[in-house]
N, C-alpha and C. Protein backbone atom coordinates (compact mmCIF):
# COMPACT_ATOMS: atom_id res chain seq x y z
N ASN A 1 95.23 -11.70 -14.50
CA ASN A 1 95.97 -10.62 -15.10
C ASN A 1 96.81 -9.86 -14.07
N LYS A 2 96.93 -10.39 -12.87
CA LYS A 2 97.73 -9.76 -11.81
C LYS A 2 99.10 -10.44 -11.78
N GLY A 3 100.15 -9.64 -11.67
CA GLY A 3 101.48 -10.20 -11.62
C GLY A 3 102.52 -9.19 -11.19
N LYS A 4 103.80 -9.62 -11.21
CA LYS A 4 104.90 -8.77 -10.78
C LYS A 4 105.89 -8.47 -11.90
N ASP A 5 105.65 -9.02 -13.11
CA ASP A 5 106.58 -8.83 -14.23
C ASP A 5 105.77 -8.79 -15.53
N PHE A 6 105.95 -7.73 -16.32
CA PHE A 6 105.22 -7.55 -17.57
C PHE A 6 106.17 -7.02 -18.65
N TRP A 7 105.95 -7.45 -19.89
CA TRP A 7 106.64 -6.89 -21.05
C TRP A 7 105.59 -6.35 -22.00
N ILE A 8 105.76 -5.08 -22.43
CA ILE A 8 104.74 -4.38 -23.21
C ILE A 8 105.42 -3.67 -24.38
N GLY A 9 104.68 -3.41 -25.44
CA GLY A 9 105.17 -2.60 -26.55
C GLY A 9 104.28 -1.40 -26.79
N TYR A 10 104.84 -0.36 -27.37
CA TYR A 10 104.13 0.87 -27.73
C TYR A 10 103.75 0.73 -29.19
N GLY A 11 102.62 0.03 -29.44
CA GLY A 11 102.21 -0.35 -30.79
C GLY A 11 101.82 0.79 -31.70
N ASN A 12 101.63 0.45 -32.95
CA ASN A 12 101.33 1.41 -34.02
C ASN A 12 100.04 2.19 -33.76
N HIS A 13 100.04 3.45 -34.17
CA HIS A 13 98.88 4.34 -34.05
C HIS A 13 98.88 5.29 -35.24
N VAL A 14 97.71 5.62 -35.75
CA VAL A 14 97.59 6.46 -36.94
C VAL A 14 98.37 7.77 -36.81
N ARG A 15 98.42 8.36 -35.64
CA ARG A 15 99.09 9.64 -35.48
C ARG A 15 100.61 9.53 -35.47
N MET A 16 101.14 8.32 -35.48
CA MET A 16 102.59 8.18 -35.63
C MET A 16 103.02 8.63 -37.01
N PHE A 17 102.10 8.60 -37.97
CA PHE A 17 102.41 8.98 -39.34
C PHE A 17 102.01 10.41 -39.65
N THR A 18 100.88 10.85 -39.09
CA THR A 18 100.43 12.20 -39.37
C THR A 18 100.92 13.18 -38.33
N GLY A 19 101.04 12.74 -37.08
CA GLY A 19 101.73 13.46 -36.05
C GLY A 19 101.21 14.78 -35.53
N ASN A 20 100.05 15.23 -35.96
CA ASN A 20 99.61 16.53 -35.48
C ASN A 20 98.17 16.49 -35.00
N PRO A 21 97.89 16.49 -33.72
CA PRO A 21 98.85 16.35 -32.63
C PRO A 21 99.33 14.91 -32.51
N ALA A 22 100.43 14.73 -31.81
CA ALA A 22 101.03 13.40 -31.67
C ALA A 22 100.25 12.56 -30.66
N GLU A 23 100.29 11.24 -30.86
CA GLU A 23 99.67 10.32 -29.91
C GLU A 23 100.49 10.27 -28.63
N GLN A 24 99.89 9.74 -27.58
CA GLN A 24 100.57 9.58 -26.29
C GLN A 24 100.25 8.18 -25.77
N MET A 25 101.23 7.52 -25.18
CA MET A 25 100.99 6.25 -24.53
C MET A 25 101.16 6.43 -23.03
N GLN A 26 100.23 5.84 -22.30
CA GLN A 26 100.32 5.82 -20.84
C GLN A 26 100.14 4.39 -20.37
N ILE A 27 100.76 4.10 -19.24
CA ILE A 27 100.56 2.81 -18.59
C ILE A 27 99.87 3.10 -17.26
N TYR A 28 98.77 2.38 -17.01
CA TYR A 28 98.03 2.49 -15.76
C TYR A 28 98.34 1.27 -14.92
N ILE A 29 98.76 1.49 -13.69
CA ILE A 29 99.13 0.40 -12.80
C ILE A 29 98.30 0.53 -11.53
N THR A 30 97.72 -0.58 -11.09
CA THR A 30 96.92 -0.57 -9.88
C THR A 30 97.10 -1.88 -9.13
N SER A 31 96.66 -1.89 -7.88
CA SER A 31 96.73 -3.10 -7.06
C SER A 31 95.77 -2.95 -5.88
N ASP A 32 95.46 -4.06 -5.24
CA ASP A 32 94.64 -4.01 -4.04
C ASP A 32 95.51 -3.91 -2.77
N VAL A 33 96.85 -3.81 -2.98
CA VAL A 33 97.79 -3.63 -1.87
C VAL A 33 98.77 -2.50 -2.21
N ASN A 34 99.37 -1.89 -1.21
CA ASN A 34 100.42 -0.91 -1.44
C ASN A 34 101.67 -1.63 -1.95
N THR A 35 102.33 -1.05 -2.95
CA THR A 35 103.55 -1.65 -3.45
C THR A 35 104.37 -0.61 -4.22
N THR A 36 105.54 -1.02 -4.67
CA THR A 36 106.40 -0.17 -5.48
C THR A 36 106.88 -0.99 -6.67
N GLY A 37 107.43 -0.30 -7.65
CA GLY A 37 107.96 -0.99 -8.81
C GLY A 37 108.71 -0.03 -9.73
N VAL A 38 109.04 -0.53 -10.92
CA VAL A 38 109.82 0.23 -11.89
C VAL A 38 109.28 -0.04 -13.29
N VAL A 39 109.23 1.02 -14.11
CA VAL A 39 108.98 0.90 -15.55
C VAL A 39 110.30 1.23 -16.23
N ASP A 40 110.81 0.30 -17.03
CA ASP A 40 112.15 0.41 -17.61
C ASP A 40 112.10 0.18 -19.11
N ILE A 41 112.70 1.08 -19.88
CA ILE A 41 112.87 0.92 -21.33
C ILE A 41 114.34 1.17 -21.61
N PRO A 42 115.19 0.15 -21.46
CA PRO A 42 116.63 0.34 -21.57
C PRO A 42 117.08 0.96 -22.90
N SER A 43 116.41 0.63 -24.00
CA SER A 43 116.85 1.10 -25.32
C SER A 43 116.83 2.61 -25.46
N ILE A 44 115.99 3.30 -24.67
CA ILE A 44 115.93 4.76 -24.75
C ILE A 44 116.35 5.42 -23.44
N GLY A 45 116.87 4.62 -22.50
CA GLY A 45 117.35 5.17 -21.24
C GLY A 45 116.24 5.63 -20.30
N PHE A 46 115.04 5.06 -20.44
CA PHE A 46 113.92 5.44 -19.58
C PHE A 46 113.84 4.48 -18.41
N ASN A 47 113.76 5.02 -17.19
CA ASN A 47 113.64 4.22 -15.99
C ASN A 47 112.89 5.05 -14.97
N GLN A 48 111.68 4.62 -14.63
CA GLN A 48 110.87 5.39 -13.68
C GLN A 48 110.33 4.49 -12.58
N ALA A 49 110.69 4.82 -11.36
CA ALA A 49 110.14 4.12 -10.20
C ALA A 49 108.72 4.63 -9.95
N TYR A 50 107.89 3.79 -9.39
CA TYR A 50 106.52 4.20 -9.06
C TYR A 50 106.11 3.61 -7.72
N THR A 51 105.10 4.23 -7.14
CA THR A 51 104.50 3.77 -5.89
C THR A 51 103.01 3.60 -6.12
N ILE A 52 102.48 2.48 -5.67
CA ILE A 52 101.05 2.21 -5.77
C ILE A 52 100.43 2.31 -4.38
N THR A 53 99.37 3.09 -4.27
CA THR A 53 98.54 3.10 -3.08
C THR A 53 97.38 2.15 -3.37
N ALA A 54 97.09 1.25 -2.45
CA ALA A 54 96.04 0.25 -2.67
C ALA A 54 94.76 0.89 -3.20
N ASN A 55 94.21 0.26 -4.25
CA ASN A 55 92.94 0.65 -4.87
C ASN A 55 92.99 2.01 -5.57
N GLN A 56 94.18 2.47 -5.90
CA GLN A 56 94.36 3.70 -6.67
C GLN A 56 95.12 3.36 -7.95
N ILE A 57 95.08 4.27 -8.92
CA ILE A 57 95.77 4.06 -10.20
C ILE A 57 96.97 5.00 -10.27
N THR A 58 98.12 4.45 -10.65
CA THR A 58 99.31 5.25 -10.93
C THR A 58 99.49 5.28 -12.43
N THR A 59 99.71 6.47 -12.99
CA THR A 59 99.86 6.64 -14.43
C THR A 59 101.31 6.97 -14.76
N ILE A 60 101.86 6.24 -15.74
CA ILE A 60 103.22 6.48 -16.21
C ILE A 60 103.13 6.89 -17.68
N ASN A 61 103.66 8.06 -18.03
CA ASN A 61 103.73 8.50 -19.43
C ASN A 61 104.93 7.86 -20.09
N ILE A 62 104.70 7.20 -21.21
CA ILE A 62 105.77 6.52 -21.94
C ILE A 62 106.29 7.45 -23.04
N PRO A 63 107.60 7.65 -23.12
CA PRO A 63 108.16 8.54 -24.14
C PRO A 63 107.91 8.03 -25.56
N ARG A 64 107.71 8.95 -26.51
CA ARG A 64 107.48 8.58 -27.90
C ARG A 64 108.66 7.84 -28.51
N GLY A 65 109.83 7.97 -27.94
CA GLY A 65 111.00 7.27 -28.44
C GLY A 65 110.87 5.76 -28.39
N ALA A 66 109.91 5.26 -27.62
CA ALA A 66 109.68 3.82 -27.52
C ALA A 66 108.65 3.31 -28.52
N ALA A 67 108.09 4.20 -29.34
CA ALA A 67 107.02 3.82 -30.28
C ALA A 67 107.53 2.90 -31.38
N LEU A 68 106.66 1.95 -31.76
CA LEU A 68 106.93 1.03 -32.88
C LEU A 68 106.22 1.60 -34.10
N VAL A 69 106.92 2.31 -34.94
CA VAL A 69 106.29 3.05 -36.02
C VAL A 69 106.06 2.15 -37.24
N ASN A 70 107.10 1.51 -37.75
CA ASN A 70 107.01 0.73 -38.98
C ASN A 70 107.05 -0.76 -38.70
N GLU A 71 106.92 -1.56 -39.74
CA GLU A 71 107.09 -3.00 -39.59
C GLU A 71 108.56 -3.31 -39.39
N GLY A 72 108.84 -4.23 -38.47
CA GLY A 72 110.21 -4.66 -38.28
C GLY A 72 110.61 -4.83 -36.83
N LEU A 73 111.92 -4.93 -36.62
CA LEU A 73 112.52 -5.24 -35.33
C LEU A 73 112.84 -3.97 -34.55
N TYR A 74 112.49 -3.99 -33.27
CA TYR A 74 112.75 -2.87 -32.36
C TYR A 74 113.33 -3.40 -31.06
N ASN A 75 114.10 -2.56 -30.38
CA ASN A 75 114.66 -2.90 -29.06
C ASN A 75 113.90 -2.23 -27.93
N HIS A 76 112.66 -1.81 -28.17
CA HIS A 76 111.94 -0.93 -27.26
C HIS A 76 110.96 -1.62 -26.32
N GLY A 77 111.26 -2.82 -25.86
CA GLY A 77 110.39 -3.48 -24.89
C GLY A 77 110.25 -2.65 -23.63
N ILE A 78 109.02 -2.52 -23.15
CA ILE A 78 108.72 -1.78 -21.93
C ILE A 78 108.57 -2.83 -20.83
N HIS A 79 109.45 -2.78 -19.84
CA HIS A 79 109.47 -3.79 -18.78
C HIS A 79 108.90 -3.17 -17.51
N VAL A 80 107.79 -3.73 -17.03
CA VAL A 80 107.15 -3.26 -15.81
C VAL A 80 107.34 -4.34 -14.75
N THR A 81 107.93 -3.95 -13.62
CA THR A 81 108.11 -4.88 -12.51
C THR A 81 107.50 -4.26 -11.25
N ALA A 82 107.12 -5.12 -10.31
CA ALA A 82 106.52 -4.68 -9.05
C ALA A 82 106.96 -5.60 -7.93
N GLN A 83 107.01 -5.08 -6.72
CA GLN A 83 107.36 -5.88 -5.54
C GLN A 83 106.24 -6.83 -5.13
N LYS A 84 104.99 -6.38 -5.31
CA LYS A 84 103.81 -7.19 -5.02
C LYS A 84 102.93 -7.18 -6.27
N PRO A 85 102.00 -8.13 -6.44
CA PRO A 85 101.20 -8.21 -7.65
C PRO A 85 100.41 -6.93 -7.96
N VAL A 86 100.45 -6.57 -9.25
CA VAL A 86 99.74 -5.40 -9.77
C VAL A 86 98.97 -5.80 -11.03
N VAL A 87 98.08 -4.92 -11.48
CA VAL A 87 97.38 -5.07 -12.75
C VAL A 87 97.83 -3.90 -13.63
N VAL A 88 98.12 -4.18 -14.90
CA VAL A 88 98.67 -3.17 -15.80
C VAL A 88 97.80 -3.06 -17.05
N TYR A 89 97.51 -1.81 -17.45
CA TYR A 89 96.82 -1.50 -18.70
C TYR A 89 97.69 -0.53 -19.48
N SER A 90 97.69 -0.65 -20.79
CA SER A 90 98.34 0.37 -21.61
C SER A 90 97.27 1.08 -22.43
N PHE A 91 97.49 2.35 -22.70
CA PHE A 91 96.49 3.19 -23.35
C PHE A 91 97.20 4.16 -24.29
N ILE A 92 96.88 4.09 -25.59
CA ILE A 92 97.42 5.02 -26.57
C ILE A 92 96.26 5.87 -27.06
N TYR A 93 96.45 7.19 -27.08
CA TYR A 93 95.34 8.06 -27.43
C TYR A 93 95.83 9.36 -28.05
N VAL A 94 94.93 9.99 -28.76
CA VAL A 94 95.05 11.38 -29.21
C VAL A 94 93.65 11.81 -29.64
N ASN A 95 93.21 12.94 -29.15
CA ASN A 95 91.86 13.44 -29.46
C ASN A 95 90.83 12.33 -29.29
N ALA A 96 90.10 11.99 -30.36
CA ALA A 96 89.04 10.99 -30.28
C ALA A 96 89.49 9.62 -30.78
N VAL A 97 90.79 9.40 -30.94
CA VAL A 97 91.32 8.14 -31.45
C VAL A 97 92.13 7.48 -30.35
N SER A 98 91.72 6.26 -29.94
CA SER A 98 92.43 5.62 -28.84
C SER A 98 92.39 4.10 -28.95
N GLY A 99 93.23 3.48 -28.18
CA GLY A 99 93.24 2.03 -28.07
C GLY A 99 93.82 1.64 -26.72
N ALA A 100 93.27 0.61 -26.11
CA ALA A 100 93.73 0.18 -24.80
C ALA A 100 93.97 -1.32 -24.78
N THR A 101 94.84 -1.76 -23.88
CA THR A 101 95.18 -3.17 -23.76
C THR A 101 95.32 -3.55 -22.30
N LEU A 102 94.71 -4.65 -21.92
CA LEU A 102 94.98 -5.26 -20.63
C LEU A 102 96.26 -6.06 -20.82
N CYS A 103 97.29 -5.77 -20.05
CA CYS A 103 98.58 -6.44 -20.21
C CYS A 103 98.63 -7.71 -19.36
N LEU A 104 99.19 -8.75 -19.92
CA LEU A 104 99.28 -10.04 -19.22
C LEU A 104 100.65 -10.21 -18.58
N PRO A 105 100.70 -10.73 -17.36
CA PRO A 105 101.99 -10.96 -16.71
C PRO A 105 102.83 -11.97 -17.50
N THR A 106 104.12 -11.80 -17.44
CA THR A 106 105.05 -12.66 -18.17
C THR A 106 104.80 -14.14 -17.85
N ALA A 107 104.54 -14.46 -16.59
CA ALA A 107 104.36 -15.85 -16.17
C ALA A 107 103.13 -16.51 -16.80
N THR A 108 102.19 -15.74 -17.31
CA THR A 108 100.96 -16.31 -17.89
C THR A 108 101.03 -16.48 -19.40
N LEU A 109 102.10 -15.99 -20.03
CA LEU A 109 102.17 -16.01 -21.49
C LEU A 109 102.37 -17.41 -22.04
N GLY A 110 101.82 -17.64 -23.21
CA GLY A 110 101.94 -18.93 -23.88
C GLY A 110 102.96 -18.89 -25.00
N LYS A 111 102.88 -19.88 -25.87
CA LYS A 111 103.84 -20.00 -26.97
C LYS A 111 103.18 -20.01 -28.34
N GLU A 112 101.84 -19.92 -28.37
CA GLU A 112 101.14 -19.90 -29.66
C GLU A 112 99.94 -18.98 -29.56
N TYR A 113 99.87 -18.03 -30.51
CA TYR A 113 98.78 -17.06 -30.52
C TYR A 113 98.26 -16.87 -31.94
N PHE A 114 97.01 -16.47 -32.03
CA PHE A 114 96.41 -16.04 -33.28
C PHE A 114 95.96 -14.60 -33.09
N SER A 115 96.32 -13.76 -34.04
CA SER A 115 95.99 -12.34 -33.95
C SER A 115 94.51 -12.12 -34.28
N ILE A 116 93.88 -11.27 -33.48
CA ILE A 116 92.51 -10.85 -33.75
C ILE A 116 92.56 -9.35 -34.01
N ASN A 117 92.24 -8.95 -35.22
CA ASN A 117 92.32 -7.55 -35.64
C ASN A 117 91.01 -7.17 -36.31
N TYR A 118 91.05 -6.05 -36.99
CA TYR A 118 89.93 -5.63 -37.84
C TYR A 118 90.46 -4.64 -38.85
N SER A 119 89.69 -4.42 -39.88
CA SER A 119 90.10 -3.44 -40.89
C SER A 119 90.04 -2.05 -40.28
N GLN A 120 91.12 -1.32 -40.41
CA GLN A 120 91.21 0.02 -39.87
C GLN A 120 90.50 1.01 -40.79
N ILE A 121 89.68 1.85 -40.23
CA ILE A 121 89.00 2.89 -40.99
C ILE A 121 89.39 4.21 -40.36
N SER A 122 89.92 5.12 -41.18
CA SER A 122 90.41 6.38 -40.64
C SER A 122 90.05 7.52 -41.57
N ASN A 123 89.93 8.70 -41.01
CA ASN A 123 89.76 9.90 -41.82
C ASN A 123 91.08 10.33 -42.43
N GLU A 124 92.14 9.62 -42.11
CA GLU A 124 93.48 9.91 -42.62
C GLU A 124 93.94 8.72 -43.46
N PRO A 125 93.53 8.68 -44.73
CA PRO A 125 93.82 7.52 -45.60
C PRO A 125 95.33 7.24 -45.69
N GLY A 126 95.63 5.94 -45.73
CA GLY A 126 97.01 5.51 -45.89
C GLY A 126 97.85 5.63 -44.63
N ALA A 127 97.22 5.90 -43.50
CA ALA A 127 97.99 6.09 -42.27
C ALA A 127 97.59 5.12 -41.16
N SER A 128 96.52 4.37 -41.35
CA SER A 128 96.10 3.46 -40.28
C SER A 128 96.27 2.02 -40.76
N TYR A 129 96.80 1.19 -39.85
CA TYR A 129 97.11 -0.19 -40.22
C TYR A 129 96.61 -1.16 -39.17
N SER A 130 96.30 -2.36 -39.64
CA SER A 130 96.08 -3.49 -38.76
C SER A 130 97.49 -3.94 -38.33
N TYR A 131 97.66 -4.26 -37.04
CA TYR A 131 99.00 -4.64 -36.60
C TYR A 131 98.95 -5.63 -35.44
N PHE A 132 100.07 -6.28 -35.24
CA PHE A 132 100.34 -7.05 -34.03
C PHE A 132 101.85 -7.07 -33.87
N PHE A 133 102.30 -7.44 -32.68
CA PHE A 133 103.74 -7.60 -32.48
C PHE A 133 104.01 -8.73 -31.52
N ALA A 134 105.22 -9.27 -31.61
CA ALA A 134 105.71 -10.30 -30.70
C ALA A 134 106.87 -9.70 -29.93
N ILE A 135 106.91 -9.98 -28.62
CA ILE A 135 107.99 -9.46 -27.77
C ILE A 135 108.63 -10.63 -27.02
N ALA A 136 109.96 -10.62 -26.97
CA ALA A 136 110.70 -11.68 -26.26
C ALA A 136 110.78 -11.32 -24.78
N THR A 137 110.41 -12.26 -23.93
CA THR A 137 110.43 -12.03 -22.49
C THR A 137 111.51 -12.85 -21.78
N ASP A 138 112.00 -13.90 -22.42
CA ASP A 138 113.01 -14.77 -21.80
C ASP A 138 114.41 -14.25 -22.06
N THR A 139 115.33 -14.61 -21.17
CA THR A 139 116.74 -14.33 -21.44
C THR A 139 117.20 -15.28 -22.54
N GLY A 140 118.27 -14.98 -23.20
CA GLY A 140 118.73 -15.80 -24.32
C GLY A 140 118.00 -15.42 -25.59
N THR A 141 117.97 -16.33 -26.54
CA THR A 141 117.34 -16.07 -27.84
C THR A 141 116.00 -16.78 -27.93
N THR A 142 114.99 -16.06 -28.38
CA THR A 142 113.66 -16.62 -28.63
C THR A 142 113.42 -16.58 -30.13
N THR A 143 113.17 -17.74 -30.72
CA THR A 143 112.85 -17.80 -32.15
C THR A 143 111.34 -17.77 -32.29
N VAL A 144 110.85 -16.80 -33.04
CA VAL A 144 109.42 -16.61 -33.26
C VAL A 144 109.11 -16.90 -34.71
N GLN A 145 108.10 -17.77 -34.94
CA GLN A 145 107.62 -18.02 -36.31
C GLN A 145 106.30 -17.27 -36.48
N ILE A 146 106.25 -16.45 -37.52
CA ILE A 146 105.07 -15.64 -37.80
C ILE A 146 104.52 -16.04 -39.16
N THR A 147 103.21 -16.32 -39.21
CA THR A 147 102.54 -16.60 -40.48
C THR A 147 101.45 -15.54 -40.65
N PRO A 148 101.74 -14.49 -41.43
CA PRO A 148 100.74 -13.43 -41.60
C PRO A 148 99.55 -13.90 -42.42
N ALA A 149 98.36 -13.46 -42.03
CA ALA A 149 97.14 -13.83 -42.77
C ALA A 149 96.97 -13.01 -44.04
N GLN A 150 97.67 -11.89 -44.13
CA GLN A 150 97.61 -11.00 -45.29
C GLN A 150 99.03 -10.56 -45.65
N ASN A 151 99.20 -10.04 -46.86
CA ASN A 151 100.48 -9.45 -47.22
C ASN A 151 100.77 -8.29 -46.27
N THR A 152 102.03 -8.12 -45.90
CA THR A 152 102.38 -7.09 -44.93
C THR A 152 103.10 -5.92 -45.61
N LEU A 153 103.16 -4.80 -44.90
CA LEU A 153 103.87 -3.63 -45.42
C LEU A 153 105.35 -3.90 -45.58
N GLY A 154 105.88 -4.84 -44.80
CA GLY A 154 107.30 -5.18 -44.88
C GLY A 154 107.62 -6.19 -45.97
N GLY A 155 106.63 -6.52 -46.81
CA GLY A 155 106.86 -7.41 -47.94
C GLY A 155 106.71 -8.89 -47.63
N ARG A 156 106.15 -9.22 -46.48
CA ARG A 156 105.92 -10.63 -46.14
C ARG A 156 104.62 -11.09 -46.78
N PRO A 157 104.65 -12.18 -47.58
CA PRO A 157 103.42 -12.65 -48.25
C PRO A 157 102.48 -13.40 -47.31
N ALA A 158 101.20 -13.28 -47.56
CA ALA A 158 100.17 -13.96 -46.78
C ALA A 158 100.39 -15.47 -46.81
N GLY A 159 100.23 -16.11 -45.65
CA GLY A 159 100.28 -17.56 -45.56
C GLY A 159 101.67 -18.17 -45.59
N VAL A 160 102.71 -17.37 -45.71
CA VAL A 160 104.08 -17.89 -45.78
C VAL A 160 104.79 -17.59 -44.45
N PRO A 161 105.12 -18.65 -43.68
CA PRO A 161 105.77 -18.43 -42.38
C PRO A 161 107.18 -17.87 -42.55
N PHE A 162 107.59 -17.04 -41.60
CA PHE A 162 108.97 -16.57 -41.52
C PHE A 162 109.37 -16.55 -40.05
N THR A 163 110.67 -16.62 -39.78
CA THR A 163 111.14 -16.64 -38.40
C THR A 163 111.97 -15.39 -38.10
N VAL A 164 111.93 -15.01 -36.84
CA VAL A 164 112.69 -13.88 -36.34
C VAL A 164 113.30 -14.31 -35.01
N ASP A 165 114.59 -14.06 -34.82
CA ASP A 165 115.24 -14.33 -33.54
C ASP A 165 115.25 -13.05 -32.72
N LEU A 166 114.73 -13.14 -31.50
CA LEU A 166 114.63 -11.99 -30.62
C LEU A 166 115.35 -12.27 -29.31
N THR A 167 115.94 -11.24 -28.73
CA THR A 167 116.47 -11.34 -27.38
C THR A 167 115.54 -10.56 -26.45
N GLN A 168 115.67 -10.77 -25.16
CA GLN A 168 114.75 -10.20 -24.19
C GLN A 168 114.56 -8.69 -24.43
N GLY A 169 113.29 -8.29 -24.53
CA GLY A 169 112.94 -6.90 -24.74
C GLY A 169 112.84 -6.48 -26.19
N GLN A 170 113.26 -7.35 -27.11
CA GLN A 170 113.12 -7.02 -28.53
C GLN A 170 111.70 -7.34 -29.00
N ILE A 171 111.23 -6.54 -29.96
CA ILE A 171 109.87 -6.65 -30.47
C ILE A 171 109.92 -6.70 -32.00
N TYR A 172 109.09 -7.56 -32.57
CA TYR A 172 108.91 -7.55 -34.03
C TYR A 172 107.45 -7.17 -34.30
N GLN A 173 107.26 -6.04 -35.01
CA GLN A 173 105.91 -5.56 -35.33
C GLN A 173 105.57 -5.87 -36.79
N VAL A 174 104.33 -6.31 -37.02
CA VAL A 174 103.82 -6.60 -38.36
C VAL A 174 102.68 -5.63 -38.65
N LEU A 175 102.70 -5.03 -39.85
CA LEU A 175 101.67 -4.07 -40.27
C LEU A 175 101.05 -4.49 -41.59
N SER A 176 99.78 -4.19 -41.78
CA SER A 176 99.10 -4.42 -43.05
C SER A 176 97.97 -3.41 -43.21
N PRO A 177 97.70 -2.99 -44.44
CA PRO A 177 96.56 -2.09 -44.65
C PRO A 177 95.22 -2.83 -44.58
N VAL A 178 95.26 -4.16 -44.49
CA VAL A 178 94.04 -4.97 -44.38
C VAL A 178 94.07 -5.80 -43.11
N ASP A 179 92.94 -6.35 -42.75
CA ASP A 179 92.75 -7.11 -41.52
C ASP A 179 93.73 -8.28 -41.40
N LEU A 180 94.50 -8.30 -40.33
CA LEU A 180 95.48 -9.37 -40.08
C LEU A 180 94.94 -10.50 -39.22
N SER A 181 93.62 -10.51 -38.96
CA SER A 181 93.04 -11.58 -38.14
C SER A 181 93.43 -12.95 -38.70
N GLY A 182 93.75 -13.87 -37.79
CA GLY A 182 94.12 -15.21 -38.19
C GLY A 182 95.61 -15.40 -38.37
N SER A 183 96.40 -14.33 -38.27
CA SER A 183 97.86 -14.47 -38.33
C SER A 183 98.29 -15.30 -37.13
N GLU A 184 99.27 -16.18 -37.35
CA GLU A 184 99.73 -17.07 -36.29
C GLU A 184 101.12 -16.66 -35.83
N ILE A 185 101.30 -16.66 -34.51
CA ILE A 185 102.58 -16.33 -33.90
C ILE A 185 102.94 -17.48 -32.96
N GLN A 186 104.12 -18.09 -33.17
CA GLN A 186 104.58 -19.21 -32.34
C GLN A 186 106.00 -18.97 -31.89
N SER A 187 106.31 -19.45 -30.68
CA SER A 187 107.70 -19.41 -30.23
C SER A 187 108.07 -20.77 -29.68
């Protein structure tokens, strides 16, 4: 999970719909060596340089403008680069509701995935969703075929594949009020 290039998305969170207080996304970057790098979100004009001290964590606050709220296409890919290998985690939280992800370097990504989710249970009915997203990391056009395991909020029927063409940094998010485990994503 150590690398010098990562693409990340600011995925769905229940507080994106209820908003009080709003969720926050942070990226934690660490390494066993001193290094520098940049977190870049071109679609919202965010660009922040960072410095890593060996065996310490650097925290970058990600602006809410990069959030993937609904189902569909977004230009909000979060690009993390480093001069020397780093480890990256993303963390979305508010009060007692949180989610974290170990981010994989671009060089380790594959071309076929199955989503592992669970049914969302919230004290805020109608605001929490099972979700996944696909992000394009290559230059040029990446065609992604998605076969959702359940009907989606965007009107995609369960078991029926559809394709989306993405360019580098574009993200397609899928949402459902029920468990999306078993959804297939191929590029």
